[in-house]
């Protein structure tokens, strides 16, 4: 992932992301990491996206005015539209604007999450911390070799974490589960190739005992595991992440989630645009500019991927064994709390709606 020849149009929270990348580089001075602006604007550069308003860059997520506020609903998956009648307790839904106008924000969000939809309210706050340690295990001595990373994730945040760890010298193996291929490979092959570059690939059928045994063997040989499965899904496969950490000295197990795993939040679906809303970023845009809209391109994904890589490498270098749960919505909230130039950057962002999100660099 070389440094981009493109210059992002001041995507808010780029400074925070760069600080986290600098911390990661400080752990591995030999690492050649890309700049934060290139990561936050990478997909926008290849797709030619513009600075969004109430419809996300990719078009899958959109703001709707509810009876008492605003709701961001992500309809990125084909099956999501089949759930709309249940969301609004109606036989059919033709006009989404009218349907949302008749329902309260919190009611829409609660119903949507119960149905497995990626949805967020403009005024909500994260229910989990950005990083939560759920188990610790035996400490391992100083690393004697390059770390082995097992990447069980798809889409953007997890694969980016794995890619950054590869650039830090780790040997990364990407596991592809038969029947559950990464949808990004078909929808955005350029972005997929960038995230998968440098990784080994292993295809397993986790529906079989043999496939699960192969995965167990890979885990036993790994120093860092990155996954994004719901808690029940792991247990159904016969894997207890907390117990594995307690049994394997120095194993860092990173679980990337939309909203954490505590109580009901563990079953909430979240993608990069809606979890950024749940983290409070669009609320800050409204406060700074008076505009309702999205900030960045699925920005919770790259922010979470960067934080995940930095956190995992820091634990590995200390020899710690830990199971760490990352909440994408709370990661955005953390970035908001720590970024000193956010309001200024949001004002500038609001003035660029409709313009190219990524602009060609100007020669010196």
Protein backbone atom coordinates (compact mmCIF):
# COMPACT_ATOMS: atom_id res chain seq x y z
CA UNK A 1 0.00 0.00 0.00
CA UNK A 2 2.26 2.82 -1.23
CA UNK A 3 1.79 6.45 -0.37
CA UNK A 4 -1.02 7.85 -2.46
CA UNK A 5 -0.32 10.43 -5.16
CA UNK A 6 -3.69 11.93 -4.29
CA UNK A 7 -4.50 14.53 -1.70
CA UNK A 8 -7.67 14.09 0.32
CA UNK A 9 -9.90 17.10 0.77
CA UNK A 10 -9.29 17.45 4.51
CA UNK A 11 -11.34 14.50 5.72
CA UNK A 12 -12.10 15.20 9.39
CA UNK A 13 -10.30 12.98 11.92
CA UNK A 14 -7.37 12.45 9.56
CA UNK A 15 -5.09 13.99 12.18
CA UNK A 16 -6.23 11.51 14.82
CA UNK A 17 -5.74 8.63 12.41
CA UNK A 18 -2.25 9.87 11.56
CA UNK A 19 -1.36 10.03 15.25
CA UNK A 20 -2.38 6.38 15.66
CA UNK A 21 -0.38 5.39 12.60
CA UNK A 22 2.63 7.23 14.02
CA UNK A 23 2.25 5.26 17.26
CA UNK A 24 2.17 2.05 15.25
CA UNK A 25 5.28 3.09 13.33
CA UNK A 26 6.96 3.86 16.64
CA UNK A 27 6.51 0.23 17.65
CA UNK A 28 8.09 -0.99 14.39
CA UNK A 29 10.50 1.69 13.13
CA UNK A 30 11.22 -0.29 9.95
CA UNK A 31 7.57 -0.21 8.87
CA UNK A 32 6.71 1.78 5.73
CA UNK A 33 3.15 2.83 6.47
CA UNK A 34 0.84 4.88 4.25
CA UNK A 35 -0.39 8.27 5.35
CA UNK A 36 -3.75 8.49 7.11
CA UNK A 37 -5.27 10.69 4.44
CA UNK A 38 -4.53 8.06 1.81
CA UNK A 39 -6.22 5.35 3.90
CA UNK A 40 -9.34 7.38 4.73
CA UNK A 41 -9.72 8.42 1.09
CA UNK A 42 -8.54 5.23 -0.60
CA UNK A 43 -11.89 3.91 -1.78
CA UNK A 44 -13.09 7.39 -2.68
CA UNK A 45 -10.02 7.85 -4.87
CA UNK A 46 -10.66 4.70 -6.90
CA UNK A 47 -14.42 5.25 -7.12
CA UNK A 48 -14.41 9.01 -7.75
CA UNK A 49 -16.71 9.79 -4.82
CA UNK A 50 -17.82 13.32 -3.92
CA UNK A 51 -18.17 14.79 -0.43
CA UNK A 52 -21.56 13.40 0.65
CA UNK A 53 -24.60 15.12 2.10
CA UNK A 54 -27.48 12.96 3.37
CA UNK A 55 -26.64 10.00 1.12
CA UNK A 56 -23.36 8.21 1.84
CA UNK A 57 -20.54 8.10 -0.69
CA UNK A 58 -21.31 4.55 -1.71
CA UNK A 59 -25.06 5.21 -1.79
CA UNK A 60 -26.05 2.40 0.56
CA UNK A 61 -26.68 4.52 3.66
CA UNK A 62 -29.05 7.47 3.87
CA UNK A 63 -30.44 9.87 6.45
CA UNK A 64 -34.20 10.02 6.98
CA UNK A 65 -36.11 12.50 9.12
CA UNK A 66 -38.01 10.65 11.83
CA UNK A 67 -40.81 12.14 13.89
CA UNK A 68 -38.38 13.54 16.46
CA UNK A 69 -34.92 13.33 14.92
CA UNK A 70 -32.80 11.80 12.19
CA UNK A 71 -32.06 8.15 11.41
CA UNK A 72 -29.30 6.73 9.21
CA UNK A 73 -30.35 3.47 7.56
CA UNK A 74 -27.89 1.33 5.63
CA UNK A 75 -29.47 -0.79 2.89
CA UNK A 76 -26.20 -2.11 1.50
CA UNK A 77 -27.35 -5.74 1.45
CA UNK A 78 -30.01 -7.11 -0.89
CA UNK A 79 -31.95 -8.68 1.96
CA UNK A 80 -32.27 -5.40 3.87
CA UNK A 81 -35.14 -4.11 1.74
CA UNK A 82 -37.12 -7.25 2.49
CA UNK A 83 -37.10 -6.19 6.15
CA UNK A 84 -38.65 -2.77 5.57
CA UNK A 85 -42.29 -3.89 6.06
CA UNK A 86 -41.36 -5.36 9.46
CA UNK A 87 -39.45 -2.21 10.40
CA UNK A 88 -42.55 -0.08 9.87
CA UNK A 89 -45.21 -2.69 10.73
CA UNK A 90 -46.65 -2.36 7.24
CA UNK A 91 -47.57 -4.74 4.44
CA UNK A 92 -45.39 -2.77 2.03
CA UNK A 93 -43.16 0.29 2.10
CA UNK A 94 -43.07 2.47 -1.00
CA UNK A 95 -42.15 5.87 0.41
CA UNK A 96 -39.36 5.61 3.00
CA UNK A 97 -39.44 9.33 3.78
CA UNK A 98 -43.12 9.14 4.71
CA UNK A 99 -42.62 5.94 6.69
CA UNK A 100 -39.83 7.43 8.80
CA UNK A 101 -41.78 10.65 9.37
CA UNK A 102 -44.40 8.63 11.24
CA UNK A 103 -42.02 6.90 13.67
CA UNK A 104 -39.82 8.10 16.54
CA UNK A 105 -36.04 7.93 16.12
CA UNK A 106 -35.38 5.61 19.05
CA UNK A 107 -38.23 3.29 18.09
CA UNK A 108 -36.96 2.99 14.52
CA UNK A 109 -33.41 2.26 15.67
CA UNK A 110 -34.51 -0.31 18.26
CA UNK A 111 -36.76 -2.13 15.78
CA UNK A 112 -34.16 -2.05 13.04
CA UNK A 113 -31.44 -3.50 15.24
CA UNK A 114 -33.75 -6.25 16.44
CA UNK A 115 -34.33 -7.14 12.79
CA UNK A 116 -30.59 -7.22 12.06
CA UNK A 117 -30.45 -3.96 10.11
CA UNK A 118 -27.54 -1.51 10.14
CA UNK A 119 -29.22 1.58 11.54
CA UNK A 120 -28.29 4.48 13.82
CA UNK A 121 -29.86 7.56 15.38
CA UNK A 122 -28.24 10.95 14.94
CA UNK A 123 -28.46 11.73 18.65
CA UNK A 124 -27.37 8.38 20.10
CA UNK A 125 -24.15 7.61 21.96
CA UNK A 126 -22.07 4.41 21.96
CA UNK A 127 -23.06 1.79 24.52
CA UNK A 128 -19.58 0.22 24.77
CA UNK A 129 -16.00 1.48 25.13
CA UNK A 130 -13.79 1.66 22.06
CA UNK A 131 -11.59 -1.14 23.43
CA UNK A 132 -12.62 -3.66 26.07
CA UNK A 133 -10.41 -6.46 27.39
CA UNK A 134 -12.56 -9.51 28.15
CA UNK A 135 -9.79 -11.99 29.02
CA UNK A 136 -6.07 -12.13 29.75
CA UNK A 137 -3.65 -15.02 29.50
CA UNK A 138 -0.02 -15.93 30.23
CA UNK A 139 2.60 -13.38 29.22
CA UNK A 140 5.07 -14.49 26.56
CA UNK A 141 8.72 -13.51 26.36
CA UNK A 142 10.10 -10.98 23.91
CA UNK A 143 9.15 -11.80 20.28
CA UNK A 144 11.85 -13.94 18.64
CA UNK A 145 10.39 -13.85 15.11
CA UNK A 146 8.01 -11.90 12.94
CA UNK A 147 4.47 -12.20 14.29
CA UNK A 148 2.01 -14.58 12.69
CA UNK A 149 -1.38 -12.98 12.11
CA UNK A 150 -4.60 -14.81 11.28
CA UNK A 151 -7.14 -12.58 9.52
CA UNK A 152 -10.66 -14.01 9.65
CA UNK A 153 -12.40 -10.79 8.59
CA UNK A 154 -14.00 -9.33 5.47
CA UNK A 155 -14.92 -5.91 4.07
CA UNK A 156 -12.73 -3.04 5.32
CA UNK A 157 -11.81 -2.55 9.00
CA UNK A 158 -10.41 -6.01 9.75
CA UNK A 159 -8.62 -6.48 6.42
CA UNK A 160 -7.05 -3.02 6.83
CA UNK A 161 -5.77 -3.99 10.28
CA UNK A 162 -4.23 -7.12 8.79
CA UNK A 163 -2.71 -5.16 5.92
CA UNK A 164 -1.10 -2.64 8.28
CA UNK A 165 0.32 -5.47 10.40
CA UNK A 166 1.77 -7.00 7.22
CA UNK A 167 3.46 -3.67 6.48
CA UNK A 168 4.90 -3.88 10.00
CA UNK A 169 6.59 -7.16 9.07
CA UNK A 170 3.96 -9.67 10.18
CA UNK A 171 3.18 -12.82 8.21
CA UNK A 172 -0.56 -12.52 7.64
CA UNK A 173 -2.80 -15.41 6.57
CA UNK A 174 -6.24 -14.51 5.30
CA UNK A 175 -8.82 -17.24 5.89
CA UNK A 176 -11.63 -17.52 3.37
CA UNK A 177 -14.61 -19.51 4.60
CA UNK A 178 -16.26 -21.59 1.87
CA UNK A 179 -19.65 -20.14 1.05
CA UNK A 180 -18.86 -16.83 2.79
CA UNK A 181 -16.54 -15.04 0.40
CA UNK A 182 -15.70 -11.39 0.98
CA UNK A 183 -18.35 -9.36 -0.92
CA UNK A 184 -15.79 -6.62 -1.44
CA UNK A 185 -13.96 -8.83 -3.94
CA UNK A 186 -16.83 -8.45 -6.42
CA UNK A 187 -18.14 -5.00 -5.49
CA UNK A 188 -14.78 -3.18 -5.41
CA UNK A 189 -11.94 -5.39 -6.70
CA UNK A 190 -9.40 -2.54 -6.63
CA UNK A 191 -9.98 -1.83 -2.95
CA UNK A 192 -10.12 -5.54 -2.16
CA UNK A 193 -6.77 -6.14 -3.87
CA UNK A 194 -5.17 -3.32 -1.89
CA UNK A 195 -6.39 -4.73 1.43
CA UNK A 196 -5.40 -8.31 0.54
CA UNK A 197 -1.95 -7.45 -0.85
CA UNK A 198 0.91 -9.33 0.78
CA UNK A 199 -1.29 -11.79 2.65
CA UNK A 200 -1.24 -15.54 2.28
CA UNK A 201 -4.66 -17.06 1.65
CA UNK A 202 -6.23 -20.21 3.04
CA UNK A 203 -9.67 -21.53 2.10
CA UNK A 204 -11.50 -23.58 4.74
CA UNK A 205 -14.95 -25.09 4.93
CA UNK A 206 -15.93 -24.30 8.51
CA UNK A 207 -19.16 -26.24 8.09
CA UNK A 208 -17.09 -29.42 8.37
CA UNK A 209 -15.18 -30.91 11.27
CA UNK A 210 -12.06 -31.00 9.14
CA UNK A 211 -12.31 -27.30 8.36
CA UNK A 212 -12.79 -26.40 12.02
CA UNK A 213 -9.82 -28.59 12.99
CA UNK A 214 -7.68 -26.80 10.41
CA UNK A 215 -8.75 -23.44 11.82
CA UNK A 216 -7.89 -24.59 15.35
CA UNK A 217 -4.42 -25.55 14.12
CA UNK A 218 -3.93 -22.14 12.51
CA UNK A 219 -5.03 -20.38 15.69
CA UNK A 220 -2.59 -22.44 17.77
CA UNK A 221 0.28 -21.22 15.59
CA UNK A 222 -0.80 -17.57 15.56
CA UNK A 223 0.34 -14.61 17.64
CA UNK A 224 -2.53 -12.32 16.63
CA UNK A 225 -6.05 -13.27 15.53
CA UNK A 226 -8.39 -10.71 13.97
CA UNK A 227 -12.06 -11.65 13.65
CA UNK A 228 -15.44 -9.95 13.41
CA UNK A 229 -17.91 -12.74 14.13
CA UNK A 230 -20.88 -12.34 16.40
CA UNK A 231 -20.34 -14.04 19.79
CA UNK A 232 -22.83 -16.81 19.07
CA UNK A 233 -21.27 -17.60 15.69
CA UNK A 234 -17.88 -18.34 17.25
CA UNK A 235 -19.39 -20.54 19.93
CA UNK A 236 -21.37 -22.49 17.34
CA UNK A 237 -18.10 -23.28 15.58
CA UNK A 238 -16.67 -24.55 18.86
CA UNK A 239 -14.30 -21.65 19.59
CA UNK A 240 -14.18 -19.71 22.84
CA UNK A 241 -11.95 -16.69 22.25
CA UNK A 242 -11.55 -15.86 25.93
CA UNK A 243 -10.55 -19.43 26.78
CA UNK A 244 -8.08 -19.61 23.89
CA UNK A 245 -6.37 -16.46 25.15
CA UNK A 246 -6.11 -17.94 28.65
CA UNK A 247 -4.50 -21.09 27.23
CA UNK A 248 -2.02 -19.60 24.73
CA UNK A 249 0.80 -17.41 26.07
CA UNK A 250 1.03 -14.11 24.24
CA UNK A 251 -2.03 -14.64 22.03
CA UNK A 252 -3.67 -11.35 21.06
CA UNK A 253 -7.25 -11.92 19.93
CA UNK A 254 -8.92 -8.87 18.43
CA UNK A 255 -12.67 -8.89 17.86
CA UNK A 256 -13.96 -6.06 15.65
CA UNK A 257 -17.64 -5.25 16.17
CA UNK A 258 -20.08 -2.54 15.22
CA UNK A 259 -21.08 -1.66 18.77
CA UNK A 260 -19.28 -4.01 21.21
CA UNK A 261 -20.50 -7.35 22.53
CA UNK A 262 -22.18 -6.38 25.80
CA UNK A 263 -25.80 -7.54 26.09
CA UNK A 264 -27.93 -6.80 23.01
CA UNK A 265 -25.17 -4.76 21.34
CA UNK A 266 -23.34 -7.96 20.48
CA UNK A 267 -26.05 -8.75 17.94
CA UNK A 268 -26.31 -5.28 16.39
CA UNK A 269 -25.17 -5.04 12.79
CA UNK A 270 -22.95 -2.12 11.86
CA UNK A 271 -21.06 -0.87 8.82
CA UNK A 272 -18.72 2.06 8.36
CA UNK A 273 -21.25 4.81 7.65
CA UNK A 274 -23.94 3.99 10.22
CA UNK A 275 -21.48 3.24 13.04
CA UNK A 276 -19.84 6.62 12.43
CA UNK A 277 -23.28 8.17 12.97
CA UNK A 278 -23.76 6.09 16.12
CA UNK A 279 -20.38 7.33 17.31
CA UNK A 280 -21.56 10.94 17.16
CA UNK A 281 -19.72 12.23 14.09
CA UNK A 282 -22.77 13.44 12.17
CA UNK A 283 -24.10 15.04 15.35
CA UNK A 284 -20.86 17.01 15.58
CA UNK A 285 -21.23 18.00 11.92
CA UNK A 286 -24.73 19.29 12.66
CA UNK A 287 -23.47 21.26 15.66
CA UNK A 288 -20.60 22.78 13.66
CA UNK A 289 -22.42 23.55 10.40
CA UNK A 290 -26.17 23.14 10.83
CA UNK A 291 -26.04 20.39 8.18
CA UNK A 292 -27.22 16.79 8.50
CA UNK A 293 -24.91 14.51 6.58
CA UNK A 294 -22.16 11.91 6.49
CA UNK A 295 -18.50 12.60 7.19
CA UNK A 296 -15.93 10.73 5.12
CA UNK A 297 -16.47 7.48 3.26
CA UNK A 298 -17.57 4.76 5.69
CA UNK A 299 -15.06 6.46 7.98
CA UNK A 300 -15.58 4.14 10.95
CA UNK A 301 -13.97 1.35 8.92
CA UNK A 302 -10.50 2.86 8.34
CA UNK A 303 -10.45 4.52 11.77
CA UNK A 304 -11.23 1.18 13.42
CA UNK A 305 -8.74 -0.70 11.25
CA UNK A 306 -5.96 1.69 12.19
CA UNK A 307 -6.82 1.53 15.90
CA UNK A 308 -7.05 -2.27 15.74
CA UNK A 309 -3.61 -2.64 14.17
CA UNK A 310 -1.96 -0.26 16.62
CA UNK A 311 -3.61 -1.93 19.62
CA UNK A 312 -2.77 -5.47 18.51
CA UNK A 313 0.87 -4.67 17.77
CA UNK A 314 1.31 -2.84 21.08
CA UNK A 315 0.01 -5.87 22.99
CA UNK A 316 2.16 -8.25 20.95
CA UNK A 317 5.33 -6.26 21.55
CA UNK A 318 4.69 -6.37 25.29
CA UNK A 319 4.12 -10.13 25.15
CA UNK A 320 0.62 -9.77 26.53
CA UNK A 321 -2.12 -12.31 25.96
CA UNK A 322 -5.46 -10.55 25.70
CA UNK A 323 -8.84 -10.79 24.05
CA UNK A 324 -9.77 -7.24 23.02
CA UNK A 325 -13.17 -6.23 21.70
CA UNK A 326 -13.21 -3.14 19.49
CA UNK A 327 -16.42 -1.18 18.95
CA UNK A 328 -16.47 0.74 15.67
CA UNK A 329 -19.00 3.29 16.90
CA UNK A 330 -17.04 3.89 20.10
CA UNK A 331 -13.77 4.10 18.15
CA UNK A 332 -15.27 7.04 16.26
CA UNK A 333 -16.35 8.59 19.56
CA UNK A 334 -12.81 8.15 20.88
CA UNK A 335 -11.38 9.87 17.82
CA UNK A 336 -13.86 12.72 18.23
CA UNK A 337 -12.86 13.18 21.87
CA UNK A 338 -9.14 13.24 21.09
CA UNK A 339 -9.08 15.29 17.85
CA UNK A 340 -8.26 18.94 18.58
CA UNK A 341 -9.12 20.36 15.15
CA UNK A 342 -12.41 18.57 14.55
CA UNK A 343 -14.79 21.55 14.59
CA UNK A 344 -12.62 23.52 12.18
CA UNK A 345 -12.29 20.51 9.89
CA UNK A 346 -16.04 19.84 9.95
CA UNK A 347 -16.80 23.42 8.93
CA UNK A 348 -14.43 23.05 5.97
CA UNK A 349 -15.95 19.66 5.13
CA UNK A 350 -19.47 21.10 5.11
CA UNK A 351 -18.44 23.70 2.55
CA UNK A 352 -17.19 21.01 0.16
CA UNK A 353 -20.41 19.00 -0.22
CA UNK A 354 -20.72 17.84 -3.82
CA UNK A 355 -17.06 18.40 -4.66
CA UNK A 356 -14.60 15.53 -5.23
CA UNK A 357 -13.75 13.89 -1.94
CA UNK A 358 -10.24 13.23 -3.20
CA UNK A 359 -8.49 15.77 -5.42
CA UNK A 360 -5.27 15.41 -7.44
CA UNK A 361 -2.16 16.53 -5.61
CA UNK A 362 -0.74 19.88 -6.68
CA UNK A 363 2.93 19.61 -7.78
CA UNK A 364 5.37 21.58 -5.65
